[in-house]
């Protein structure tokens, strides 16, 4: 079923060991028409840091719950590379991120 990308904004991301934050924005590939990354604000547990979450780590959404299950741990999110969400993602950064 197709959904509007705005349906994802504000959804909480539920890691395997607790909630890591909520979706604030998306990086969208306008050539392939896919979501490349979800930009997640981690809230107070990680000083409102913004992190990228790959859609490949997201499981099936329970639309009534406004929550997305993720195959990640809080520790993985905490140790993920920093990102300046005001700039485009370079291929070099993306390669570094994918290695993580």
Protein backbone atom coordinates (compact mmCIF):
# COMPACT_ATOMS: atom_id res chain seq x y z
CA UNK A 1 0.00 0.00 0.00
CA UNK A 2 1.32 3.45 -0.88
CA UNK A 3 1.54 6.04 1.87
CA UNK A 4 2.37 9.71 1.99
CA UNK A 5 5.86 10.47 3.32
CA UNK A 6 4.27 12.87 5.80
CA UNK A 7 2.77 9.79 7.50
CA UNK A 8 6.31 8.96 8.68
CA UNK A 9 7.05 12.33 10.26
CA UNK A 10 6.68 12.19 14.02
CA UNK A 11 6.71 8.40 14.15
CA UNK A 12 8.75 7.02 16.99
CA UNK A 13 11.57 4.61 16.15
CA UNK A 14 11.53 1.59 18.44
CA UNK A 15 14.95 -0.05 18.65
CA UNK A 16 15.32 -3.53 20.06
CA UNK A 17 16.08 -2.07 23.50
CA UNK A 18 13.87 1.02 23.63
CA UNK A 19 12.72 4.09 21.73
CA UNK A 20 15.56 6.01 20.06
CA UNK A 21 13.63 9.07 18.89
CA UNK A 22 11.23 10.24 16.25
CA UNK A 23 11.34 10.86 12.51
CA UNK A 24 11.95 14.54 11.75
CA UNK A 25 12.80 14.44 8.05
CA UNK A 26 13.68 12.19 5.12
CA UNK A 27 16.49 12.03 2.58
CA UNK A 28 14.78 11.15 -0.67
CA UNK A 29 16.43 9.87 -3.86
CA UNK A 30 14.64 11.75 -6.63
CA UNK A 31 16.08 9.53 -9.37
CA UNK A 32 15.09 6.16 -7.92
CA UNK A 33 12.02 7.53 -6.06
CA UNK A 34 12.94 5.90 -2.76
CA UNK A 35 13.61 7.05 0.77
CA UNK A 36 17.38 6.85 1.32
CA UNK A 37 17.40 7.68 5.05
CA UNK A 38 15.13 8.72 7.86
CA UNK A 39 16.45 11.64 9.91
CA UNK A 40 15.72 10.79 13.53
CA UNK A 41 15.90 13.23 16.42
CA UNK A 42 17.07 11.26 19.44
CA UNK A 43 15.44 13.47 22.03
CA UNK A 44 16.87 13.99 25.49
CA UNK A 45 18.56 10.58 25.89
CA UNK A 46 21.21 11.63 23.36
CA UNK A 47 21.09 15.45 23.65
CA UNK A 48 18.68 15.90 20.73
CA UNK A 49 21.26 14.61 18.29
CA UNK A 50 20.05 13.84 14.77
CA UNK A 51 21.02 10.51 13.26
CA UNK A 52 20.36 8.75 9.97
CA UNK A 53 18.48 5.47 9.96
CA UNK A 54 18.42 3.32 6.87
CA UNK A 55 14.99 2.12 5.75
CA UNK A 56 16.56 -1.36 5.50
CA UNK A 57 16.66 -1.48 9.31
CA UNK A 58 12.96 -0.66 9.64
CA UNK A 59 10.39 -3.42 10.03
CA UNK A 60 6.69 -3.39 9.23
CA UNK A 61 4.93 -0.36 10.60
CA UNK A 62 1.92 -0.68 12.83
CA UNK A 63 -0.01 2.27 11.34
CA UNK A 64 -2.34 2.67 14.30
CA UNK A 65 0.56 3.00 16.75
CA UNK A 66 2.68 5.73 15.04
CA UNK A 67 5.77 3.60 15.72
CA UNK A 68 8.38 2.00 13.46
CA UNK A 69 10.27 -1.05 14.74
CA UNK A 70 13.99 -0.96 13.94
CA UNK A 71 16.60 -3.71 13.95
CA UNK A 72 19.00 -1.45 15.86
CA UNK A 73 20.12 -1.00 19.44
CA UNK A 74 20.50 2.25 21.33
CA UNK A 75 24.24 1.61 21.48
CA UNK A 76 24.44 1.38 17.67
CA UNK A 77 22.61 4.69 17.36
CA UNK A 78 24.79 6.31 20.02
CA UNK A 79 27.98 5.27 18.19
CA UNK A 80 26.75 6.15 14.68
CA UNK A 81 28.61 8.80 12.65
CA UNK A 82 27.59 12.43 13.10
CA UNK A 83 25.62 14.10 10.33
CA UNK A 84 24.91 17.71 9.44
CA UNK A 85 21.33 17.42 8.24
CA UNK A 86 21.45 20.89 6.67
CA UNK A 87 23.80 19.60 3.95
CA UNK A 88 23.36 16.97 1.24
CA UNK A 89 24.93 13.58 1.88
CA UNK A 90 28.10 13.13 -0.16
CA UNK A 91 28.92 9.76 -1.68
CA UNK A 92 32.07 9.71 0.46
CA UNK A 93 30.04 10.17 3.65
CA UNK A 94 27.54 7.57 2.51
CA UNK A 95 30.30 5.00 1.92
CA UNK A 96 31.68 5.70 5.43
CA UNK A 97 28.20 5.42 6.91
CA UNK A 98 27.46 2.15 5.13
CA UNK A 99 30.65 0.66 6.55
CA UNK A 100 29.40 1.46 10.03
